[in-house]
Amino acid sequence: MSADASPGLYEFLYTSQLGAQASPLVVGQILSRARPTNAQAGVSGLLIFDGQRFFQHLEGPRPTLEALMGRIVGDSRHEDMRILHEGLLPQRRYHRFDMGYAETDDLDALGALIQLSGPSAVERFLQMRTSFDIQA
């Protein structure tokens, strides 16, 4: 069975605010640790950062993602976390990279995304991907 068709594939889309005591430079540290760990755990996705707010779409095995989300919730670099969507996923959406990353200053688009939830939030996030300069 391929990784794309594995049972239990799950997704989370969340947003959080950069912690009050954290510098925007922590994003590099987060990525350098997350990329190899996520690759080994079968987690892929995309992290968008606007200088103050994170938007991350994650996909992978459900137990792995639930544990990861627990660690993110407890991480002082994240505040005001809101899960915009979570649910079963029939197949992966991210095939080119384990954890893509982009920075943006399009606060209007991200502000509109915060107002959504469920599948419509994921759909809007996926539509926005083409406007980002994604680093793999």
N, C-alpha and C. Protein backbone atom coordinates (compact mmCIF):
# COMPACT_ATOMS: atom_id res chain seq x y z
N MET A 1 0.85 -1.18 0.00
CA MET A 1 0.00 0.00 0.00
C MET A 1 0.89 1.24 0.00
N SER A 2 0.60 2.20 -0.84
CA SER A 2 1.41 3.41 -0.92
C SER A 2 1.12 4.32 0.27
N ALA A 3 2.05 5.24 0.53
CA ALA A 3 1.86 6.19 1.64
C ALA A 3 0.64 7.07 1.40
N ASP A 4 0.33 7.33 0.12
CA ASP A 4 -0.81 8.18 -0.20
C ASP A 4 -2.14 7.51 0.13
N ALA A 5 -2.18 6.18 0.12
CA ALA A 5 -3.44 5.48 0.32
C ALA A 5 -3.53 4.84 1.70
N SER A 6 -2.63 5.15 2.59
CA SER A 6 -2.61 4.49 3.88
C SER A 6 -3.83 4.88 4.70
N PRO A 7 -4.38 3.89 5.44
CA PRO A 7 -5.52 4.22 6.30
C PRO A 7 -5.08 5.14 7.43
N GLY A 8 -6.00 5.95 7.89
CA GLY A 8 -5.68 6.82 9.01
C GLY A 8 -4.99 8.12 8.62
N LEU A 9 -4.91 8.43 7.32
CA LEU A 9 -4.34 9.71 6.90
C LEU A 9 -5.27 10.82 7.38
N TYR A 10 -4.69 11.82 8.00
CA TYR A 10 -5.45 12.85 8.69
C TYR A 10 -4.85 14.21 8.36
N GLU A 11 -5.60 15.28 8.61
CA GLU A 11 -5.08 16.62 8.37
C GLU A 11 -5.53 17.57 9.46
N PHE A 12 -4.69 18.57 9.71
CA PHE A 12 -4.99 19.69 10.60
C PHE A 12 -4.61 20.97 9.86
N LEU A 13 -5.43 21.98 9.98
CA LEU A 13 -5.10 23.34 9.56
C LEU A 13 -5.30 24.21 10.80
N TYR A 14 -4.24 24.88 11.21
CA TYR A 14 -4.35 25.72 12.41
C TYR A 14 -3.68 27.06 12.15
N THR A 15 -3.99 27.99 13.02
CA THR A 15 -3.32 29.27 13.06
C THR A 15 -2.94 29.56 14.50
N SER A 16 -1.84 30.26 14.68
CA SER A 16 -1.42 30.67 16.02
C SER A 16 -0.63 31.97 15.90
N GLN A 17 -0.54 32.64 17.00
CA GLN A 17 0.22 33.89 17.09
C GLN A 17 1.62 33.57 17.62
N LEU A 18 2.62 34.27 17.13
CA LEU A 18 3.97 34.12 17.65
C LEU A 18 3.96 34.50 19.12
N GLY A 19 4.55 33.66 19.96
CA GLY A 19 4.59 33.90 21.40
C GLY A 19 5.21 35.25 21.73
N ALA A 20 4.72 35.86 22.79
CA ALA A 20 5.17 37.20 23.19
C ALA A 20 6.67 37.26 23.43
N GLN A 21 7.27 36.18 23.93
CA GLN A 21 8.70 36.17 24.24
C GLN A 21 9.55 35.65 23.08
N ALA A 22 8.91 35.30 21.96
CA ALA A 22 9.63 34.70 20.84
C ALA A 22 9.95 35.73 19.76
N SER A 23 11.07 35.54 19.13
CA SER A 23 11.49 36.37 18.01
C SER A 23 11.04 35.70 16.72
N PRO A 24 10.74 36.47 15.67
CA PRO A 24 10.43 35.86 14.38
C PRO A 24 11.54 34.94 13.87
N LEU A 25 12.74 35.09 14.40
CA LEU A 25 13.85 34.24 13.98
C LEU A 25 13.69 32.79 14.42
N VAL A 26 12.76 32.52 15.35
CA VAL A 26 12.56 31.14 15.80
C VAL A 26 11.99 30.26 14.70
N VAL A 27 11.42 30.86 13.68
CA VAL A 27 10.83 30.06 12.60
C VAL A 27 11.89 29.18 11.96
N GLY A 28 13.08 29.70 11.74
CA GLY A 28 14.17 28.90 11.20
C GLY A 28 14.51 27.72 12.09
N GLN A 29 14.50 27.94 13.39
CA GLN A 29 14.77 26.85 14.35
C GLN A 29 13.66 25.81 14.29
N ILE A 30 12.42 26.28 14.22
CA ILE A 30 11.29 25.35 14.14
C ILE A 30 11.42 24.48 12.90
N LEU A 31 11.70 25.10 11.76
CA LEU A 31 11.81 24.34 10.51
C LEU A 31 12.98 23.36 10.51
N SER A 32 14.12 23.79 11.03
CA SER A 32 15.30 22.91 11.00
C SER A 32 15.07 21.66 11.85
N ARG A 33 14.28 21.75 12.88
CA ARG A 33 13.97 20.57 13.70
C ARG A 33 12.80 19.78 13.13
N ALA A 34 11.79 20.49 12.65
CA ALA A 34 10.56 19.82 12.19
C ALA A 34 10.76 19.04 10.90
N ARG A 35 11.53 19.57 9.99
CA ARG A 35 11.64 18.90 8.68
C ARG A 35 12.14 17.46 8.79
N PRO A 36 13.27 17.18 9.44
CA PRO A 36 13.70 15.77 9.50
C PRO A 36 12.78 14.91 10.36
N THR A 37 12.27 15.48 11.44
CA THR A 37 11.37 14.72 12.32
C THR A 37 10.08 14.37 11.59
N ASN A 38 9.51 15.35 10.90
CA ASN A 38 8.27 15.11 10.16
C ASN A 38 8.47 14.12 9.03
N ALA A 39 9.58 14.23 8.33
CA ALA A 39 9.85 13.30 7.22
C ALA A 39 9.91 11.87 7.74
N GLN A 40 10.56 11.68 8.85
CA GLN A 40 10.68 10.34 9.42
C GLN A 40 9.32 9.83 9.90
N ALA A 41 8.45 10.72 10.36
CA ALA A 41 7.15 10.33 10.90
C ALA A 41 6.05 10.26 9.84
N GLY A 42 6.38 10.60 8.59
CA GLY A 42 5.38 10.57 7.54
C GLY A 42 4.44 11.76 7.54
N VAL A 43 4.92 12.89 8.09
CA VAL A 43 4.12 14.12 8.15
C VAL A 43 4.60 15.06 7.05
N SER A 44 3.67 15.62 6.31
CA SER A 44 4.00 16.62 5.30
C SER A 44 3.06 17.80 5.47
N GLY A 45 3.38 18.89 4.80
CA GLY A 45 2.51 20.05 4.91
C GLY A 45 3.18 21.34 4.49
N LEU A 46 2.57 22.43 4.90
CA LEU A 46 3.02 23.76 4.52
C LEU A 46 2.83 24.71 5.70
N LEU A 47 3.88 25.47 6.01
CA LEU A 47 3.85 26.48 7.07
C LEU A 47 3.98 27.86 6.43
N ILE A 48 3.04 28.74 6.73
CA ILE A 48 3.07 30.12 6.26
C ILE A 48 3.25 31.01 7.48
N PHE A 49 4.12 32.00 7.37
CA PHE A 49 4.38 32.91 8.48
C PHE A 49 4.36 34.34 7.96
N ASP A 50 3.63 35.21 8.65
CA ASP A 50 3.54 36.61 8.21
C ASP A 50 4.31 37.57 9.10
N GLY A 51 5.18 37.03 9.93
CA GLY A 51 5.96 37.86 10.84
C GLY A 51 5.41 37.85 12.26
N GLN A 52 4.13 37.53 12.40
CA GLN A 52 3.49 37.46 13.72
C GLN A 52 2.57 36.25 13.87
N ARG A 53 2.04 35.75 12.77
CA ARG A 53 1.06 34.67 12.84
C ARG A 53 1.50 33.50 11.96
N PHE A 54 1.29 32.30 12.49
CA PHE A 54 1.55 31.06 11.77
C PHE A 54 0.24 30.53 11.19
N PHE A 55 0.32 29.96 10.01
CA PHE A 55 -0.75 29.16 9.43
C PHE A 55 -0.07 27.89 8.98
N GLN A 56 -0.55 26.76 9.46
CA GLN A 56 0.09 25.51 9.07
C GLN A 56 -0.96 24.47 8.73
N HIS A 57 -0.72 23.81 7.60
CA HIS A 57 -1.56 22.70 7.16
C HIS A 57 -0.68 21.46 7.23
N LEU A 58 -1.09 20.50 8.03
CA LEU A 58 -0.32 19.28 8.24
C LEU A 58 -1.14 18.07 7.82
N GLU A 59 -0.44 17.05 7.30
CA GLU A 59 -1.10 15.80 6.94
C GLU A 59 -0.19 14.64 7.30
N GLY A 60 -0.79 13.55 7.71
CA GLY A 60 -0.02 12.38 8.09
C GLY A 60 -0.87 11.41 8.88
N PRO A 61 -0.24 10.41 9.48
CA PRO A 61 -0.97 9.44 10.30
C PRO A 61 -1.65 10.16 11.48
N ARG A 62 -2.89 9.81 11.73
CA ARG A 62 -3.66 10.50 12.76
C ARG A 62 -2.98 10.51 14.13
N PRO A 63 -2.52 9.36 14.65
CA PRO A 63 -1.90 9.40 15.99
C PRO A 63 -0.66 10.31 16.03
N THR A 64 0.11 10.31 14.96
CA THR A 64 1.30 11.15 14.89
C THR A 64 0.93 12.63 14.89
N LEU A 65 -0.09 12.97 14.09
CA LEU A 65 -0.52 14.38 14.04
C LEU A 65 -1.13 14.84 15.35
N GLU A 66 -1.90 13.98 15.99
CA GLU A 66 -2.49 14.38 17.27
C GLU A 66 -1.41 14.63 18.31
N ALA A 67 -0.37 13.80 18.33
CA ALA A 67 0.74 14.03 19.25
C ALA A 67 1.48 15.32 18.90
N LEU A 68 1.70 15.56 17.62
CA LEU A 68 2.37 16.78 17.17
C LEU A 68 1.57 18.01 17.55
N MET A 69 0.26 17.97 17.34
CA MET A 69 -0.57 19.12 17.71
C MET A 69 -0.52 19.36 19.22
N GLY A 70 -0.45 18.31 20.00
CA GLY A 70 -0.31 18.47 21.45
C GLY A 70 0.97 19.19 21.82
N ARG A 71 2.07 18.85 21.11
CA ARG A 71 3.34 19.53 21.38
C ARG A 71 3.28 21.00 20.95
N ILE A 72 2.64 21.27 19.82
CA ILE A 72 2.54 22.66 19.34
C ILE A 72 1.71 23.49 20.32
N VAL A 73 0.60 22.93 20.79
CA VAL A 73 -0.25 23.65 21.76
C VAL A 73 0.55 24.01 23.01
N GLY A 74 1.44 23.13 23.45
CA GLY A 74 2.23 23.37 24.65
C GLY A 74 3.50 24.17 24.42
N ASP A 75 3.77 24.57 23.18
CA ASP A 75 5.00 25.28 22.82
C ASP A 75 4.80 26.78 23.06
N SER A 76 5.66 27.37 23.88
CA SER A 76 5.52 28.80 24.22
C SER A 76 5.77 29.72 23.03
N ARG A 77 6.28 29.18 21.93
CA ARG A 77 6.46 30.01 20.73
C ARG A 77 5.14 30.24 20.00
N HIS A 78 4.10 29.54 20.43
CA HIS A 78 2.76 29.67 19.85
C HIS A 78 1.79 30.14 20.93
N GLU A 79 0.97 31.13 20.59
CA GLU A 79 -0.10 31.60 21.46
C GLU A 79 -1.37 31.70 20.62
N ASP A 80 -2.50 31.77 21.29
CA ASP A 80 -3.78 31.98 20.63
C ASP A 80 -3.99 30.99 19.47
N MET A 81 -3.73 29.73 19.74
CA MET A 81 -3.87 28.71 18.69
C MET A 81 -5.34 28.42 18.43
N ARG A 82 -5.67 28.33 17.15
CA ARG A 82 -7.03 27.98 16.73
C ARG A 82 -6.94 26.94 15.63
N ILE A 83 -7.59 25.82 15.83
CA ILE A 83 -7.66 24.80 14.78
C ILE A 83 -8.81 25.18 13.87
N LEU A 84 -8.47 25.43 12.61
CA LEU A 84 -9.47 25.84 11.63
C LEU A 84 -10.16 24.62 11.01
N HIS A 85 -9.42 23.51 10.94
CA HIS A 85 -10.00 22.28 10.39
C HIS A 85 -9.17 21.09 10.83
N GLU A 86 -9.87 19.99 11.04
CA GLU A 86 -9.21 18.70 11.22
C GLU A 86 -10.14 17.64 10.69
N GLY A 87 -9.56 16.59 10.12
CA GLY A 87 -10.39 15.52 9.61
C GLY A 87 -9.61 14.49 8.82
N LEU A 88 -10.32 13.44 8.44
CA LEU A 88 -9.73 12.39 7.61
C LEU A 88 -9.39 12.96 6.24
N LEU A 89 -8.38 12.39 5.64
CA LEU A 89 -7.90 12.85 4.34
C LEU A 89 -7.74 11.63 3.44
N PRO A 90 -8.39 11.62 2.26
CA PRO A 90 -8.30 10.44 1.40
C PRO A 90 -6.92 10.24 0.76
N GLN A 91 -6.21 11.33 0.49
CA GLN A 91 -4.87 11.23 -0.09
C GLN A 91 -4.09 12.50 0.21
N ARG A 92 -2.78 12.37 0.15
CA ARG A 92 -1.90 13.51 0.43
C ARG A 92 -2.09 14.63 -0.60
N ARG A 93 -1.89 15.83 -0.11
CA ARG A 93 -1.91 17.01 -0.98
C ARG A 93 -0.51 17.53 -1.26
N TYR A 94 0.44 17.17 -0.40
CA TYR A 94 1.81 17.67 -0.51
C TYR A 94 2.72 16.51 -0.90
N HIS A 95 3.19 16.54 -2.12
CA HIS A 95 4.03 15.46 -2.63
C HIS A 95 5.47 15.91 -2.90
N ARG A 96 5.68 17.19 -3.08
CA ARG A 96 7.00 17.69 -3.46
C ARG A 96 7.91 17.94 -2.26
N PHE A 97 7.38 18.03 -1.09
CA PHE A 97 8.20 18.35 0.08
C PHE A 97 7.56 17.80 1.34
N ASP A 98 8.39 17.60 2.34
CA ASP A 98 7.88 17.14 3.63
C ASP A 98 7.29 18.30 4.43
N MET A 99 7.97 19.45 4.41
CA MET A 99 7.45 20.61 5.10
C MET A 99 7.86 21.86 4.33
N GLY A 100 6.94 22.35 3.52
CA GLY A 100 7.19 23.58 2.78
C GLY A 100 7.04 24.77 3.70
N TYR A 101 7.64 25.88 3.29
CA TYR A 101 7.59 27.09 4.10
C TYR A 101 7.53 28.30 3.19
N ALA A 102 6.75 29.28 3.60
CA ALA A 102 6.69 30.55 2.89
C ALA A 102 6.40 31.67 3.88
N GLU A 103 6.93 32.83 3.56
CA GLU A 103 6.61 34.04 4.31
C GLU A 103 5.71 34.89 3.43
N THR A 104 4.84 35.65 4.05
CA THR A 104 3.95 36.52 3.29
C THR A 104 3.68 37.79 4.08
N ASP A 105 3.31 38.82 3.37
CA ASP A 105 2.87 40.05 4.02
C ASP A 105 1.45 40.40 3.58
N ASP A 106 0.76 39.41 2.99
CA ASP A 106 -0.62 39.60 2.56
C ASP A 106 -1.55 39.38 3.75
N LEU A 107 -1.61 40.37 4.62
CA LEU A 107 -2.39 40.24 5.85
C LEU A 107 -3.89 40.18 5.59
N ASP A 108 -4.35 40.79 4.50
CA ASP A 108 -5.77 40.75 4.19
C ASP A 108 -6.23 39.32 3.87
N ALA A 109 -5.45 38.63 3.04
CA ALA A 109 -5.82 37.25 2.68
C ALA A 109 -5.78 36.35 3.90
N LEU A 110 -4.77 36.50 4.73
CA LEU A 110 -4.67 35.68 5.93
C LEU A 110 -5.77 36.04 6.93
N GLY A 111 -6.09 37.31 7.01
CA GLY A 111 -7.18 37.73 7.90
C GLY A 111 -8.50 37.11 7.49
N ALA A 112 -8.73 37.01 6.19
CA ALA A 112 -9.96 36.37 5.70
C ALA A 112 -9.95 34.89 6.02
N LEU A 113 -8.78 34.26 5.95
CA LEU A 113 -8.67 32.84 6.24
C LEU A 113 -9.03 32.54 7.69
N ILE A 114 -8.64 33.41 8.60
CA ILE A 114 -8.92 33.21 10.03
C ILE A 114 -10.42 33.15 10.29
N GLN A 115 -11.20 33.82 9.45
CA GLN A 115 -12.65 33.85 9.66
C GLN A 115 -13.34 32.56 9.21
N LEU A 116 -12.61 31.68 8.52
CA LEU A 116 -13.20 30.44 8.00
C LEU A 116 -12.91 29.28 8.93
N SER A 117 -13.64 28.20 8.72
CA SER A 117 -13.37 26.96 9.43
C SER A 117 -13.84 25.81 8.57
N GLY A 118 -13.39 24.61 8.95
CA GLY A 118 -13.80 23.41 8.24
C GLY A 118 -13.21 23.33 6.84
N PRO A 119 -13.86 22.56 5.97
CA PRO A 119 -13.34 22.38 4.61
C PRO A 119 -13.17 23.68 3.83
N SER A 120 -13.99 24.69 4.11
CA SER A 120 -13.84 25.96 3.38
C SER A 120 -12.51 26.64 3.74
N ALA A 121 -12.05 26.49 4.97
CA ALA A 121 -10.75 27.05 5.37
C ALA A 121 -9.62 26.34 4.63
N VAL A 122 -9.71 25.01 4.53
CA VAL A 122 -8.68 24.26 3.80
C VAL A 122 -8.70 24.65 2.33
N GLU A 123 -9.88 24.74 1.75
CA GLU A 123 -9.98 25.10 0.33
C GLU A 123 -9.35 26.46 0.06
N ARG A 124 -9.63 27.44 0.92
CA ARG A 124 -9.05 28.79 0.75
C ARG A 124 -7.53 28.74 0.91
N PHE A 125 -7.04 28.00 1.91
CA PHE A 125 -5.60 27.87 2.13
C PHE A 125 -4.94 27.25 0.89
N LEU A 126 -5.53 26.21 0.35
CA LEU A 126 -4.96 25.54 -0.83
C LEU A 126 -4.97 26.47 -2.04
N GLN A 127 -6.00 27.28 -2.18
CA GLN A 127 -6.05 28.25 -3.28
C GLN A 127 -4.96 29.30 -3.14
N MET A 128 -4.63 29.66 -1.90
CA MET A 128 -3.62 30.69 -1.65
C MET A 128 -2.20 30.19 -1.94
N ARG A 129 -2.00 28.87 -1.96
CA ARG A 129 -0.64 28.32 -2.16
C ARG A 129 0.05 28.88 -3.39
N THR A 130 -0.67 29.10 -4.46
CA THR A 130 -0.04 29.57 -5.69
C THR A 130 0.54 30.99 -5.55
N SER A 131 0.08 31.73 -4.55
CA SER A 131 0.59 33.09 -4.36
C SER A 131 1.84 33.14 -3.48
N PHE A 132 2.23 32.00 -2.91
CA PHE A 132 3.38 31.95 -2.02
C PHE A 132 4.62 31.48 -2.75
N ASP A 133 5.76 32.02 -2.36
CA ASP A 133 7.06 31.52 -2.84
C ASP A 133 7.50 30.45 -1.84
N ILE A 134 7.14 29.22 -2.13
CA ILE A 134 7.33 28.11 -1.19
C ILE A 134 8.74 27.58 -1.29
N GLN A 135 9.38 27.47 -0.13
CA GLN A 135 10.70 26.86 -0.01
C GLN A 135 10.52 25.46 0.51
N ALA A 136 11.12 24.53 -0.19
CA ALA A 136 11.00 23.13 0.25
C ALA A 136 12.16 22.78 1.16
